[in-house]
Protein backbone atom coordinates (compact mmCIF):
# COMPACT_ATOMS: atom_id res chain seq x y z
CA MET A 1 0.01 0.32 -0.19
CA LYS A 2 3.08 2.32 0.78
CA ASN A 3 4.29 1.83 -2.68
CA LEU A 4 1.06 2.72 -4.46
CA MET A 5 1.21 6.01 -2.20
CA LYS A 6 4.67 7.06 -3.55
CA LYS A 7 3.69 6.01 -7.19
CA ARG A 8 0.72 8.65 -6.73
CA ILE A 9 2.80 11.37 -4.95
CA ILE A 10 5.72 11.05 -7.97
CA ALA A 11 2.55 10.88 -10.57
CA TYR A 12 1.13 13.98 -8.72
CA ILE A 13 4.43 16.00 -8.95
CA ALA A 14 5.21 14.83 -12.59
CA ASP A 15 1.56 15.89 -13.61
CA PHE A 16 2.48 18.97 -11.62
CA PHE A 17 5.60 19.80 -14.25
CA VAL A 18 3.52 18.88 -16.93
CA VAL A 19 0.44 21.29 -16.11
CA SER A 20 3.17 24.32 -15.43
CA ALA A 21 4.79 23.99 -18.58
CA ILE A 22 1.41 24.16 -20.37
CA LEU A 23 0.07 26.78 -18.89
CA TRP A 24 3.47 28.66 -19.02
CA ILE A 25 3.31 27.90 -22.71
CA ILE A 26 -0.29 29.14 -23.31
CA THR A 27 0.38 32.38 -21.15
CA TRP A 28 3.29 33.30 -22.97
CA LEU A 29 1.18 32.83 -26.53
CA LEU A 30 -1.49 34.91 -24.91
CA GLY A 31 0.58 37.21 -23.99
CA LEU A 32 2.03 37.80 -27.64
CA TYR A 33 -0.89 37.96 -29.29
CA ILE A 34 -3.95 39.08 -27.09
CA VAL A 35 -2.44 41.76 -25.06
CA PRO A 36 1.31 42.39 -26.46
CA ASN A 37 1.02 45.80 -24.82
CA SER A 38 0.40 44.94 -21.46
CA MET A 39 1.13 41.39 -19.74
CA PHE A 40 -0.05 42.15 -16.41
CA VAL A 41 -3.52 42.43 -17.51
CA LEU A 42 -2.98 38.68 -18.66
CA TYR A 43 -1.93 37.71 -15.13
CA ASP A 44 -5.67 38.98 -13.69
CA TYR A 45 -7.09 36.11 -15.35
CA PHE A 46 -4.31 33.40 -15.15
CA ILE A 47 -5.93 32.08 -11.46
CA VAL A 48 -8.94 31.54 -13.72
CA ILE A 49 -7.14 29.82 -16.83
CA SER A 50 -4.96 27.88 -14.56
CA VAL A 51 -7.84 26.33 -12.38
CA LEU A 52 -9.65 25.69 -15.88
CA PHE A 53 -7.06 23.73 -17.50
CA CYS A 54 -5.87 22.05 -14.33
CA LEU A 55 -9.58 20.69 -14.12
CA PHE A 56 -9.85 19.81 -17.77
CA TYR A 57 -6.19 18.12 -17.75
CA PHE A 58 -7.13 15.71 -15.04
CA ILE A 59 -10.80 15.27 -15.79
CA ILE A 60 -10.66 14.67 -19.79
CA LEU A 61 -7.36 12.29 -19.46
CA GLU A 62 -8.48 10.11 -16.53
CA LYS A 63 -11.84 9.73 -18.51
CA ILE A 64 -10.55 8.89 -21.83
CA TYR A 65 -7.31 6.84 -20.98
CA GLY A 66 -7.82 6.07 -17.40
CA GLN A 67 -4.70 7.78 -16.38
CA THR A 68 -2.77 11.21 -16.74
CA ILE A 69 0.56 11.74 -18.15
CA GLY A 70 2.04 11.25 -14.27
CA LYS A 71 0.19 7.80 -13.66
CA GLU A 72 1.07 6.48 -17.10
CA LEU A 73 5.12 7.13 -16.13
CA VAL A 74 4.65 5.21 -12.81
CA PHE A 75 1.93 2.60 -14.05
CA LEU A 76 -1.11 3.50 -12.32
CA LYS A 77 -4.69 3.72 -13.49
CA VAL A 78 -7.96 5.16 -12.42
CA LYS A 79 -11.09 2.84 -12.42
CA ASP A 80 -14.26 2.74 -10.69
CA PHE A 81 -15.27 0.18 -8.10
CA ASN A 82 -16.12 -2.54 -10.46
CA ASN A 83 -12.73 -2.25 -12.50
CA LYS A 84 -14.59 -0.16 -15.42
CA LYS A 85 -13.49 3.21 -16.79
CA ILE A 86 -14.92 6.10 -14.87
CA THR A 87 -17.48 8.29 -15.91
CA TYR A 88 -17.22 12.27 -16.66
CA LYS A 89 -19.07 12.96 -13.16
CA GLN A 90 -16.90 10.48 -11.67
CA SER A 91 -13.47 11.88 -12.85
CA LEU A 92 -14.93 15.66 -11.88
CA ILE A 93 -15.47 14.60 -8.40
CA ARG A 94 -12.43 13.03 -7.75
CA ASN A 95 -10.24 15.79 -9.37
CA ILE A 96 -12.13 18.82 -7.87
CA SER A 97 -9.50 18.92 -4.98
CA LYS A 98 -6.65 19.21 -7.35
CA ILE A 99 -7.63 23.03 -8.47
CA PHE A 100 -5.13 24.03 -5.27
CA TRP A 101 -2.73 21.63 -3.87
CA ILE A 102 -3.83 22.28 0.03
CA ILE A 103 -7.16 20.94 -0.64
CA ILE A 104 -5.91 17.87 -2.12
CA ILE A 105 -3.80 17.09 1.60
CA PHE A 106 -7.10 17.72 3.35
CA ASP A 107 -9.26 15.37 0.88
CA TYR A 108 -6.56 12.54 1.92
CA ILE A 109 -6.17 13.37 5.69
CA ILE A 110 -10.20 13.13 5.88
CA GLY A 111 -10.00 9.75 3.96
CA ILE A 112 -7.13 8.48 6.26
CA ILE A 113 -9.80 9.41 9.36
CA ILE A 114 -13.20 8.29 7.67
CA LYS A 115 -11.74 5.24 5.89
CA LYS A 116 -8.71 4.07 7.80
CA GLU A 117 -6.93 3.42 4.65
CA ASN A 118 -4.66 5.40 1.67
CA ASP A 119 -7.43 6.59 0.00
CA ARG A 120 -8.68 10.18 -0.66
CA ILE A 121 -11.89 10.97 0.40
CA LEU A 122 -13.33 12.07 -3.07
CA GLY A 123 -12.00 8.98 -4.52
CA VAL A 124 -14.72 7.28 -1.91
CA ILE A 125 -17.39 9.51 -2.87
CA SER A 126 -17.02 9.35 -6.60
CA LYS A 127 -16.49 5.44 -6.14
CA THR A 128 -13.04 5.37 -7.76
CA LYS A 129 -9.42 4.04 -6.83
CA VAL A 130 -6.11 4.08 -8.17
CA VAL A 131 -4.83 0.84 -9.39
CA GLU A 132 -1.61 -0.65 -10.58
CA ASN A 133 -1.72 -0.62 -14.50
CA ASP A 134 -1.53 -4.54 -15.80
CA ASN A 135 -0.67 -3.41 -19.32
CA LYS A 136 3.12 -2.50 -18.37
CA LYS A 137 4.74 -1.14 -21.72
CA ILE A 138 8.24 -2.19 -20.68
CA ASN A 139 8.82 -5.61 -20.33
CA ASP A 140 10.15 -7.13 -16.93
CA GLU A 141 12.72 -9.57 -17.98
């Protein structure tokens, strides 16, 4: 169980870097083409853009592929309690805490207190779980 939690933390950090890099590019492009004379105006909207993109990234990738780029790197996948692909609603519920990093810490702590396991409370509410990916792309020979 601790190995799974380590992998989840590594995946989250990797996803943080991916989202940050993409947001930096989006901000740079918007700054060049939308408000070239006043970059500071763009920063008024940056919080909204970053929250929406972060939600979009996690919700879409986990719904369509069952994993984000970070989860794919450490061979994890998100499934529902019946081991099937999750729905958009489940993906939205489980990822709503990822809009700001401190919220996910409380999500995890409340999950441990209530469920007594290494699971986030929003994972329980959405009836989803993170599991080891059976289809590893690298052969363990």
